[in-house]
């Protein structure tokens, strides 16, 4: 008896799932010789015919992950005609999910790749937000999808992270009277720049709590009302020069502020975002 086998993997996506299953199954038999041949992105019947023509000359089986019903049925028919075993990895899972959920699957190929792409895009955006947080590196302004400017404790960092989870690369820049605003923000497309302001009394409360959490005296200049008013006046002068969208975050949750930003982005950039 021939103790060698060739396993053909057919997929309308990359075929990684089929190959992993094939390797796991083969490891339970330890044949003298085996070969796994992956054929990704199958979209036409003639591609399937070519694989079967190769497979019929060998001791082989065909494992497939196809969501397109017509191609799946064609593989079943060819397997039957040529007496080559075929293994459908997707249909049992799809049928079970359909029975439980009560509606049909999309039957679109490559969706898991799109999900992976979205995931990595989100990770990249989060890393960007961390790297260019609080004006650490003003070079991020040029690369950013969105730039947030404002005085300390106007929720720039949490808003940056929230928007990063929506796949936007966000840089945020603190505005301090003693430090000139970076020239990069004046060169940025104003539709991508958002100024954050807040009620001075609200900021006073937030900053005092911040100082307490750090074990510092809440009488520090950082939390004084006069200092906060000075900073806000300066920040509003910068925002006026920028002519950017200004959002008062005093009584807004981060999600609400993010909603305003996203609405502006959609209105100005539409499908580009």
C-alpha atoms as a PDB file:
ATOM      1  CA  UNK A   1       0.000   0.000   0.000  1.00  0.00           C
ATOM      2  CA  UNK A   2       1.297   3.440  -0.980  1.00  0.00           C
ATOM      3  CA  UNK A   3       2.299   5.220   2.227  1.00  0.00           C
ATOM      4  CA  UNK A   4       2.727   8.620   0.583  1.00  0.00           C
ATOM      5  CA  UNK A   5       0.104  11.252  -0.057  1.00  0.00           C
ATOM      6  CA  UNK A   6      -0.351  14.650  -1.665  1.00  0.00           C
ATOM      7  CA  UNK A   7      -2.856  16.991  -0.093  1.00  0.00           C
ATOM      8  CA  UNK A   8      -4.194  19.774  -2.273  1.00  0.00           C
ATOM      9  CA  UNK A   9      -5.580  22.847  -0.550  1.00  0.00           C
ATOM     10  CA  UNK A  10      -8.077  24.882  -2.565  1.00  0.00           C
ATOM     11  CA  UNK A  11      -9.340  28.199  -1.273  1.00  0.00           C
ATOM     12  CA  UNK A  12     -11.079  31.319  -2.525  1.00  0.00           C
ATOM     13  CA  UNK A  13      -8.911  33.189   0.016  1.00  0.00           C
ATOM     14  CA  UNK A  14      -5.300  32.507   1.067  1.00  0.00           C
ATOM     15  CA  UNK A  15      -5.866  28.873   2.102  1.00  0.00           C
ATOM     16  CA  UNK A  16      -4.052  29.140   5.412  1.00  0.00           C
ATOM     17  CA  UNK A  17      -6.867  27.485   7.363  1.00  0.00           C
ATOM     18  CA  UNK A  18      -6.943  24.500   5.027  1.00  0.00           C
ATOM     19  CA  UNK A  19      -3.189  24.026   5.263  1.00  0.00           C
ATOM     20  CA  UNK A  20      -3.192  24.164   9.067  1.00  0.00           C
ATOM     21  CA  UNK A  21      -5.928  21.529   9.246  1.00  0.00           C
ATOM     22  CA  UNK A  22      -4.091  19.342   6.720  1.00  0.00           C
ATOM     23  CA  UNK A  23      -0.850  19.489   8.707  1.00  0.00           C
ATOM     24  CA  UNK A  24      -2.648  18.728  11.967  1.00  0.00           C
ATOM     25  CA  UNK A  25      -4.388  15.717  10.410  1.00  0.00           C
ATOM     26  CA  UNK A  26      -1.260  14.358   8.698  1.00  0.00           C
ATOM     27  CA  UNK A  27       0.668  14.514  11.966  1.00  0.00           C
ATOM     28  CA  UNK A  28      -1.674  11.811  13.279  1.00  0.00           C
ATOM     29  CA  UNK A  29      -0.571   9.353  10.561  1.00  0.00           C
ATOM     30  CA  UNK A  30       3.136  10.007  10.005  1.00  0.00           C
ATOM     31  CA  UNK A  31       3.234   8.842   6.369  1.00  0.00           C
ATOM     32  CA  UNK A  32       6.600   8.033   4.759  1.00  0.00           C
ATOM     33  CA  UNK A  33       6.190  10.968   2.416  1.00  0.00           C
ATOM     34  CA  UNK A  34       3.641  13.714   2.073  1.00  0.00           C
ATOM     35  CA  UNK A  35       3.298  16.935   0.165  1.00  0.00           C
ATOM     36  CA  UNK A  36       0.906  19.807   0.805  1.00  0.00           C
ATOM     37  CA  UNK A  37       0.181  22.045  -2.163  1.00  0.00           C
ATOM     38  CA  UNK A  38      -1.798  25.185  -1.587  1.00  0.00           C
ATOM     39  CA  UNK A  39      -3.823  26.875  -4.355  1.00  0.00           C
ATOM     40  CA  UNK A  40      -5.171  30.211  -3.060  1.00  0.00           C
ATOM     41  CA  UNK A  41      -7.590  32.689  -4.609  1.00  0.00           C
ATOM     42  CA  UNK A  42      -9.555  30.163  -6.644  1.00  0.00           C
ATOM     43  CA  UNK A  43     -12.236  32.090  -8.511  1.00  0.00           C
ATOM     44  CA  UNK A  44     -12.759  30.119 -11.730  1.00  0.00           C
ATOM     45  CA  UNK A  45     -13.757  26.551 -12.546  1.00  0.00           C
ATOM     46  CA  UNK A  46     -10.831  26.109 -14.927  1.00  0.00           C
ATOM     47  CA  UNK A  47      -8.448  26.628 -11.971  1.00  0.00           C
ATOM     48  CA  UNK A  48     -10.175  23.774 -10.181  1.00  0.00           C
ATOM     49  CA  UNK A  49      -9.967  21.547 -13.273  1.00  0.00           C
ATOM     50  CA  UNK A  50      -6.193  22.081 -13.460  1.00  0.00           C
ATOM     51  CA  UNK A  51      -5.753  21.009  -9.831  1.00  0.00           C
ATOM     52  CA  UNK A  52      -7.823  17.844 -10.328  1.00  0.00           C
ATOM     53  CA  UNK A  53      -5.895  16.965 -13.479  1.00  0.00           C
ATOM     54  CA  UNK A  54      -2.715  17.077 -11.419  1.00  0.00           C
ATOM     55  CA  UNK A  55      -4.251  15.278  -8.445  1.00  0.00           C
ATOM     56  CA  UNK A  56      -5.648  12.304 -10.398  1.00  0.00           C
ATOM     57  CA  UNK A  57      -2.106  11.126 -11.160  1.00  0.00           C
ATOM     58  CA  UNK A  58      -1.199  10.826  -7.475  1.00  0.00           C
ATOM     59  CA  UNK A  59      -2.369   9.289  -4.233  1.00  0.00           C
ATOM     60  CA  UNK A  60      -4.183  12.429  -3.124  1.00  0.00           C
ATOM     61  CA  UNK A  61      -7.036  14.144  -1.376  1.00  0.00           C
ATOM     62  CA  UNK A  62      -8.389  17.651  -1.800  1.00  0.00           C
ATOM     63  CA  UNK A  63      -9.226  19.878   1.145  1.00  0.00           C
ATOM     64  CA  UNK A  64     -11.103  23.048   0.349  1.00  0.00           C
ATOM     65  CA  UNK A  65     -12.378  26.167   2.052  1.00  0.00           C
ATOM     66  CA  UNK A  66     -14.812  27.708  -0.406  1.00  0.00           C
ATOM     67  CA  UNK A  67     -17.716  29.950   0.494  1.00  0.00           C
ATOM     68  CA  UNK A  68     -18.919  30.416  -3.083  1.00  0.00           C
ATOM     69  CA  UNK A  69     -21.540  27.719  -3.510  1.00  0.00           C
ATOM     70  CA  UNK A  70     -21.059  27.211  -7.276  1.00  0.00           C
ATOM     71  CA  UNK A  71     -17.334  26.499  -6.911  1.00  0.00           C
ATOM     72  CA  UNK A  72     -17.915  24.254  -3.909  1.00  0.00           C
ATOM     73  CA  UNK A  73     -20.441  22.174  -5.850  1.00  0.00           C
ATOM     74  CA  UNK A  74     -18.065  21.951  -8.806  1.00  0.00           C
ATOM     75  CA  UNK A  75     -15.320  20.539  -6.546  1.00  0.00           C
ATOM     76  CA  UNK A  76     -17.737  17.937  -5.159  1.00  0.00           C
ATOM     77  CA  UNK A  77     -18.749  16.900  -8.677  1.00  0.00           C
ATOM     78  CA  UNK A  78     -15.157  16.616  -9.930  1.00  0.00           C
ATOM     79  CA  UNK A  79     -14.156  14.628  -6.858  1.00  0.00           C
ATOM     80  CA  UNK A  80     -16.970  12.198  -7.535  1.00  0.00           C
ATOM     81  CA  UNK A  81     -16.175  11.929 -11.269  1.00  0.00           C
ATOM     82  CA  UNK A  82     -12.465  11.274 -10.714  1.00  0.00           C
ATOM     83  CA  UNK A  83     -12.856   9.280  -7.488  1.00  0.00           C
ATOM     84  CA  UNK A  84     -10.672  11.703  -5.519  1.00  0.00           C
ATOM     85  CA  UNK A  85     -11.703  12.290  -1.889  1.00  0.00           C
ATOM     86  CA  UNK A  86     -12.661  15.911  -1.181  1.00  0.00           C
ATOM     87  CA  UNK A  87     -13.028  17.472   2.267  1.00  0.00           C
ATOM     88  CA  UNK A  88     -15.195  20.546   2.819  1.00  0.00           C
ATOM     89  CA  UNK A  89     -14.004  22.510   5.868  1.00  0.00           C
ATOM     90  CA  UNK A  90     -16.368  25.473   5.657  1.00  0.00           C
ATOM     91  CA  UNK A  91     -19.865  24.188   4.934  1.00  0.00           C
ATOM     92  CA  UNK A  92     -20.536  22.328   8.226  1.00  0.00           C
ATOM     93  CA  UNK A  93     -19.571  25.410  10.242  1.00  0.00           C
ATOM     94  CA  UNK A  94     -21.562  27.743   7.974  1.00  0.00           C
ATOM     95  CA  UNK A  95     -24.637  25.520   8.155  1.00  0.00           C
ATOM     96  CA  UNK A  96     -24.465  25.282  11.954  1.00  0.00           C
ATOM     97  CA  UNK A  97     -24.116  29.058  12.321  1.00  0.00           C
ATOM     98  CA  UNK A  98     -26.965  29.650   9.875  1.00  0.00           C
ATOM     99  CA  UNK A  99     -29.238  27.336  11.868  1.00  0.00           C
ATOM    100  CA  UNK A 100     -28.462  29.116  15.132  1.00  0.00           C
ATOM    101  CA  UNK A 101     -28.442  32.701  13.841  1.00  0.00           C
ATOM    102  CA  UNK A 102     -31.392  32.298  11.513  1.00  0.00           C
ATOM    103  CA  UNK A 103     -29.955  33.985   8.437  1.00  0.00           C
ATOM    104  CA  UNK A 104     -27.638  33.089   5.550  1.00  0.00           C
ATOM    105  CA  UNK A 105     -23.895  33.805   5.450  1.00  0.00           C
ATOM    106  CA  UNK A 106     -22.528  36.548   3.189  1.00  0.00           C
ATOM    107  CA  UNK A 107     -20.613  34.023   1.088  1.00  0.00           C
ATOM    108  CA  UNK A 108     -17.930  36.581   0.270  1.00  0.00           C
ATOM    109  CA  UNK A 109     -14.376  35.335  -0.054  1.00  0.00           C
ATOM    110  CA  UNK A 110     -11.484  36.859   1.897  1.00  0.00           C
ATOM    111  CA  UNK A 111     -13.522  38.398   4.722  1.00  0.00           C
ATOM    112  CA  UNK A 112     -11.164  37.145   7.433  1.00  0.00           C
ATOM    113  CA  UNK A 113      -8.315  38.931   5.670  1.00  0.00           C
ATOM    114  CA  UNK A 114     -10.324  42.138   5.739  1.00  0.00           C
ATOM    115  CA  UNK A 115     -10.908  41.664   9.461  1.00  0.00           C
ATOM    116  CA  UNK A 116      -7.187  41.144  10.019  1.00  0.00           C
ATOM    117  CA  UNK A 117      -6.457  44.251   7.978  1.00  0.00           C
ATOM    118  CA  UNK A 118      -8.823  46.294  10.166  1.00  0.00           C
ATOM    119  CA  UNK A 119      -7.228  44.906  13.305  1.00  0.00           C
ATOM    120  CA  UNK A 120      -3.704  45.827  12.235  1.00  0.00           C
ATOM    121  CA  UNK A 121      -4.872  49.248  11.115  1.00  0.00           C
ATOM    122  CA  UNK A 122      -6.276  49.827  14.603  1.00  0.00           C
ATOM    123  CA  UNK A 123      -3.055  48.650  16.260  1.00  0.00           C
ATOM    124  CA  UNK A 124      -1.063  50.982  14.026  1.00  0.00           C
ATOM    125  CA  UNK A 125      -3.340  53.903  14.936  1.00  0.00           C
ATOM    126  CA  UNK A 126      -3.034  53.197  18.670  1.00  0.00           C
ATOM    127  CA  UNK A 127       0.752  53.028  18.425  1.00  0.00           C
ATOM    128  CA  UNK A 128       0.697  56.312  16.515  1.00  0.00           C
ATOM    129  CA  UNK A 129      -1.427  57.986  19.209  1.00  0.00           C
ATOM    130  CA  UNK A 130       1.004  56.867  21.915  1.00  0.00           C
ATOM    131  CA  UNK A 131       4.055  57.985  19.951  1.00  0.00           C
ATOM    132  CA  UNK A 132       2.681  61.427  19.177  1.00  0.00           C
ATOM    133  CA  UNK A 133       0.849  62.066  22.426  1.00  0.00           C
ATOM    134  CA  UNK A 134       1.149  65.414  24.205  1.00  0.00           C
ATOM    135  CA  UNK A 135       3.402  66.989  21.577  1.00  0.00           C
ATOM    136  CA  UNK A 136       6.234  64.469  22.135  1.00  0.00           C
ATOM    137  CA  UNK A 137       7.245  64.678  18.480  1.00  0.00           C
ATOM    138  CA  UNK A 138       5.740  67.394  16.302  1.00  0.00           C
ATOM    139  CA  UNK A 139       6.653  65.445  13.154  1.00  0.00           C
ATOM    140  CA  UNK A 140       3.526  63.413  13.843  1.00  0.00           C
ATOM    141  CA  UNK A 141       1.356  66.430  12.991  1.00  0.00           C
ATOM    142  CA  UNK A 142       2.152  66.103   9.300  1.00  0.00           C
ATOM    143  CA  UNK A 143       1.407  62.348   9.275  1.00  0.00           C
ATOM    144  CA  UNK A 144      -1.761  62.504  11.388  1.00  0.00           C
ATOM    145  CA  UNK A 145      -5.300  62.041  10.114  1.00  0.00           C
ATOM    146  CA  UNK A 146      -6.496  64.253  12.976  1.00  0.00           C
ATOM    147  CA  UNK A 147      -4.696  66.796  15.164  1.00  0.00           C
ATOM    148  CA  UNK A 148      -6.062  67.845  18.554  1.00  0.00           C
ATOM    149  CA  UNK A 149      -4.903  71.040  20.240  1.00  0.00           C
ATOM    150  CA  UNK A 150      -5.787  72.415  23.654  1.00  0.00           C
ATOM    151  CA  UNK A 151      -4.626  73.173  27.159  1.00  0.00           C
ATOM    152  CA  UNK A 152      -3.864  70.510  29.729  1.00  0.00           C
ATOM    153  CA  UNK A 153      -6.781  68.324  30.943  1.00  0.00           C
ATOM    154  CA  UNK A 154      -9.091  68.935  27.988  1.00  0.00           C
ATOM    155  CA  UNK A 155      -9.192  65.178  27.268  1.00  0.00           C
ATOM    156  CA  UNK A 156      -6.747  65.263  24.374  1.00  0.00           C
ATOM    157  CA  UNK A 157      -5.128  61.909  25.222  1.00  0.00           C
ATOM    158  CA  UNK A 158      -8.296  59.868  25.912  1.00  0.00           C
ATOM    159  CA  UNK A 159      -9.895  61.342  22.808  1.00  0.00           C
ATOM    160  CA  UNK A 160      -6.809  60.435  20.770  1.00  0.00           C
ATOM    161  CA  UNK A 161      -7.008  56.835  21.979  1.00  0.00           C
ATOM    162  CA  UNK A 162     -10.747  56.607  21.334  1.00  0.00           C
ATOM    163  CA  UNK A 163     -10.293  57.859  17.762  1.00  0.00           C
ATOM    164  CA  UNK A 164      -7.346  55.485  17.303  1.00  0.00           C
ATOM    165  CA  UNK A 165      -9.719  52.598  17.996  1.00  0.00           C
ATOM    166  CA  UNK A 166     -11.755  53.974  15.096  1.00  0.00           C
ATOM    167  CA  UNK A 167      -8.575  53.575  12.981  1.00  0.00           C
ATOM    168  CA  UNK A 168      -7.592  57.273  12.898  1.00  0.00           C
ATOM    169  CA  UNK A 169      -3.992  58.335  13.420  1.00  0.00           C
ATOM    170  CA  UNK A 170      -4.186  61.170  15.934  1.00  0.00           C
ATOM    171  CA  UNK A 171      -1.523  63.568  17.185  1.00  0.00           C
ATOM    172  CA  UNK A 172      -2.323  65.873  20.070  1.00  0.00           C
ATOM    173  CA  UNK A 173      -0.543  69.086  20.953  1.00  0.00           C
ATOM    174  CA  UNK A 174      -0.669  70.934  24.302  1.00  0.00           C
ATOM    175  CA  UNK A 175      -0.998  74.708  24.095  1.00  0.00           C
ATOM    176  CA  UNK A 176       1.024  76.549  26.731  1.00  0.00           C
ATOM    177  CA  UNK A 177       1.547  80.343  26.719  1.00  0.00           C
ATOM    178  CA  UNK A 178       5.269  80.009  27.438  1.00  0.00           C
ATOM    179  CA  UNK A 179       5.844  77.596  24.553  1.00  0.00           C
ATOM    180  CA  UNK A 180       5.320  78.704  20.943  1.00  0.00           C
ATOM    181  CA  UNK A 181       2.758  76.583  19.098  1.00  0.00           C
ATOM    182  CA  UNK A 182       4.575  74.271  16.639  1.00  0.00           C
ATOM    183  CA  UNK A 183       4.662  75.667  13.121  1.00  0.00           C
ATOM    184  CA  UNK A 184       3.487  72.292  11.782  1.00  0.00           C
ATOM    185  CA  UNK A 185      -0.085  72.879  12.972  1.00  0.00           C
ATOM    186  CA  UNK A 186      -0.325  76.037  10.863  1.00  0.00           C
ATOM    187  CA  UNK A 187       0.659  74.047   7.778  1.00  0.00           C
ATOM    188  CA  UNK A 188      -1.929  71.325   8.463  1.00  0.00           C
ATOM    189  CA  UNK A 189      -5.202  71.096   6.565  1.00  0.00           C
ATOM    190  CA  UNK A 190      -7.476  73.045   8.916  1.00  0.00           C
ATOM    191  CA  UNK A 191     -10.293  70.528   8.382  1.00  0.00           C
ATOM    192  CA  UNK A 192      -8.133  67.981  10.213  1.00  0.00           C
ATOM    193  CA  UNK A 193      -7.424  70.194  13.226  1.00  0.00           C
ATOM    194  CA  UNK A 194      -9.707  70.367  16.270  1.00  0.00           C
ATOM    195  CA  UNK A 195      -9.339  72.739  19.192  1.00  0.00           C
ATOM    196  CA  UNK A 196     -10.525  71.585  22.608  1.00  0.00           C
ATOM    197  CA  UNK A 197     -11.613  74.091  25.237  1.00  0.00           C
ATOM    198  CA  UNK A 198     -13.406  73.793  28.573  1.00  0.00           C
ATOM    199  CA  UNK A 199     -15.046  75.912  31.239  1.00  0.00           C
ATOM    200  CA  UNK A 200     -12.267  77.333  33.473  1.00  0.00           C
ATOM    201  CA  UNK A 201     -14.082  76.317  36.665  1.00  0.00           C
ATOM    202  CA  UNK A 202     -14.436  72.764  35.358  1.00  0.00           C
ATOM    203  CA  UNK A 203     -10.747  72.695  34.495  1.00  0.00           C
ATOM    204  CA  UNK A 204      -9.934  74.050  37.928  1.00  0.00           C
ATOM    205  CA  UNK A 205     -11.722  71.083  39.551  1.00  0.00           C
ATOM    206  CA  UNK A 206     -10.091  68.550  37.230  1.00  0.00           C
ATOM    207  CA  UNK A 207      -6.595  69.938  37.755  1.00  0.00           C
ATOM    208  CA  UNK A 208      -6.985  70.038  41.514  1.00  0.00           C
ATOM    209  CA  UNK A 209      -7.996  66.368  41.472  1.00  0.00           C
ATOM    210  CA  UNK A 210      -5.032  65.610  39.254  1.00  0.00           C
ATOM    211  CA  UNK A 211      -2.653  67.255  41.717  1.00  0.00           C
ATOM    212  CA  UNK A 212      -4.209  65.326  44.609  1.00  0.00           C
ATOM    213  CA  UNK A 213      -3.736  62.042  42.768  1.00  0.00           C
ATOM    214  CA  UNK A 214      -0.060  62.906  42.382  1.00  0.00           C
ATOM    215  CA  UNK A 215       0.239  63.767  46.067  1.00  0.00           C
ATOM    216  CA  UNK A 216       0.868  67.439  45.333  1.00  0.00           C
ATOM    217  CA  UNK A 217      -0.651  70.573  46.825  1.00  0.00           C
ATOM    218  CA  UNK A 218      -3.758  71.751  45.003  1.00  0.00           C
ATOM    219  CA  UNK A 219      -2.584  75.332  45.518  1.00  0.00           C
ATOM    220  CA  UNK A 220      -0.050  74.958  42.706  1.00  0.00           C
ATOM    221  CA  UNK A 221      -0.166  77.542  39.919  1.00  0.00           C
ATOM    222  CA  UNK A 222      -1.175  74.749  37.504  1.00  0.00           C
ATOM    223  CA  UNK A 223      -4.609  74.573  39.132  1.00  0.00           C
ATOM    224  CA  UNK A 224      -5.159  78.280  39.831  1.00  0.00           C
ATOM    225  CA  UNK A 225      -8.146  79.877  38.144  1.00  0.00           C
ATOM    226  CA  UNK A 226      -6.118  82.851  36.895  1.00  0.00           C
ATOM    227  CA  UNK A 227      -3.556  80.536  35.301  1.00  0.00           C
ATOM    228  CA  UNK A 228      -6.266  78.460  33.644  1.00  0.00           C
ATOM    229  CA  UNK A 229      -7.976  81.552  32.226  1.00  0.00           C
ATOM    230  CA  UNK A 230      -4.634  82.748  30.835  1.00  0.00           C
ATOM    231  CA  UNK A 231      -4.038  79.397  29.158  1.00  0.00           C
ATOM    232  CA  UNK A 232      -7.542  79.301  27.700  1.00  0.00           C
ATOM    233  CA  UNK A 233      -7.209  82.812  26.290  1.00  0.00           C
ATOM    234  CA  UNK A 234      -3.912  81.855  24.680  1.00  0.00           C
ATOM    235  CA  UNK A 235      -5.308  78.606  23.281  1.00  0.00           C
ATOM    236  CA  UNK A 236      -8.320  80.373  21.791  1.00  0.00           C
ATOM    237  CA  UNK A 237      -6.025  82.913  20.117  1.00  0.00           C
ATOM    238  CA  UNK A 238      -4.143  80.023  18.486  1.00  0.00           C
ATOM    239  CA  UNK A 239      -7.382  78.310  17.462  1.00  0.00           C
ATOM    240  CA  UNK A 240      -8.629  81.559  15.931  1.00  0.00           C
ATOM    241  CA  UNK A 241      -5.423  81.846  13.896  1.00  0.00           C
ATOM    242  CA  UNK A 242      -5.816  78.250  12.799  1.00  0.00           C
ATOM    243  CA  UNK A 243      -9.505  78.794  12.029  1.00  0.00           C
ATOM    244  CA  UNK A 244     -10.073  75.217  13.186  1.00  0.00           C
ATOM    245  CA  UNK A 245     -13.183  73.577  14.588  1.00  0.00           C
ATOM    246  CA  UNK A 246     -13.460  74.318  18.308  1.00  0.00           C
ATOM    247  CA  UNK A 247     -15.238  71.940  20.690  1.00  0.00           C
ATOM    248  CA  UNK A 248     -16.164  72.752  24.275  1.00  0.00           C
ATOM    249  CA  UNK A 249     -15.584  69.500  26.163  1.00  0.00           C
ATOM    250  CA  UNK A 250     -16.757  70.811  29.578  1.00  0.00           C
ATOM    251  CA  UNK A 251     -19.793  68.576  29.922  1.00  0.00           C
ATOM    252  CA  UNK A 252     -19.095  66.028  27.218  1.00  0.00           C
ATOM    253  CA  UNK A 253     -18.033  62.415  27.542  1.00  0.00           C
ATOM    254  CA  UNK A 254     -15.138  61.390  25.307  1.00  0.00           C
ATOM    255  CA  UNK A 255     -17.593  59.450  23.129  1.00  0.00           C
ATOM    256  CA  UNK A 256     -19.648  62.605  22.521  1.00  0.00           C
ATOM    257  CA  UNK A 257     -16.617  64.659  21.539  1.00  0.00           C
ATOM    258  CA  UNK A 258     -15.411  61.850  19.294  1.00  0.00           C
ATOM    259  CA  UNK A 259     -18.834  61.784  17.628  1.00  0.00           C
ATOM    260  CA  UNK A 260     -18.497  65.476  16.758  1.00  0.00           C
ATOM    261  CA  UNK A 261     -14.988  64.954  15.372  1.00  0.00           C
ATOM    262  CA  UNK A 262     -16.059  61.937  13.314  1.00  0.00           C
ATOM    263  CA  UNK A 263     -19.083  63.795  11.952  1.00  0.00           C
ATOM    264  CA  UNK A 264     -16.846  66.651  10.780  1.00  0.00           C
ATOM    265  CA  UNK A 265     -14.386  64.209   9.213  1.00  0.00           C
ATOM    266  CA  UNK A 266     -17.135  62.378   7.357  1.00  0.00           C
ATOM    267  CA  UNK A 267     -18.643  65.627   6.131  1.00  0.00           C
ATOM    268  CA  UNK A 268     -15.291  66.936   4.872  1.00  0.00           C
ATOM    269  CA  UNK A 269     -13.655  63.757   3.593  1.00  0.00           C
ATOM    270  CA  UNK A 270     -16.506  61.318   2.982  1.00  0.00           C
ATOM    271  CA  UNK A 271     -15.299  57.953   1.672  1.00  0.00           C
ATOM    272  CA  UNK A 272     -11.649  58.926   2.127  1.00  0.00           C
ATOM    273  CA  UNK A 273     -11.811  58.294   5.886  1.00  0.00           C
END
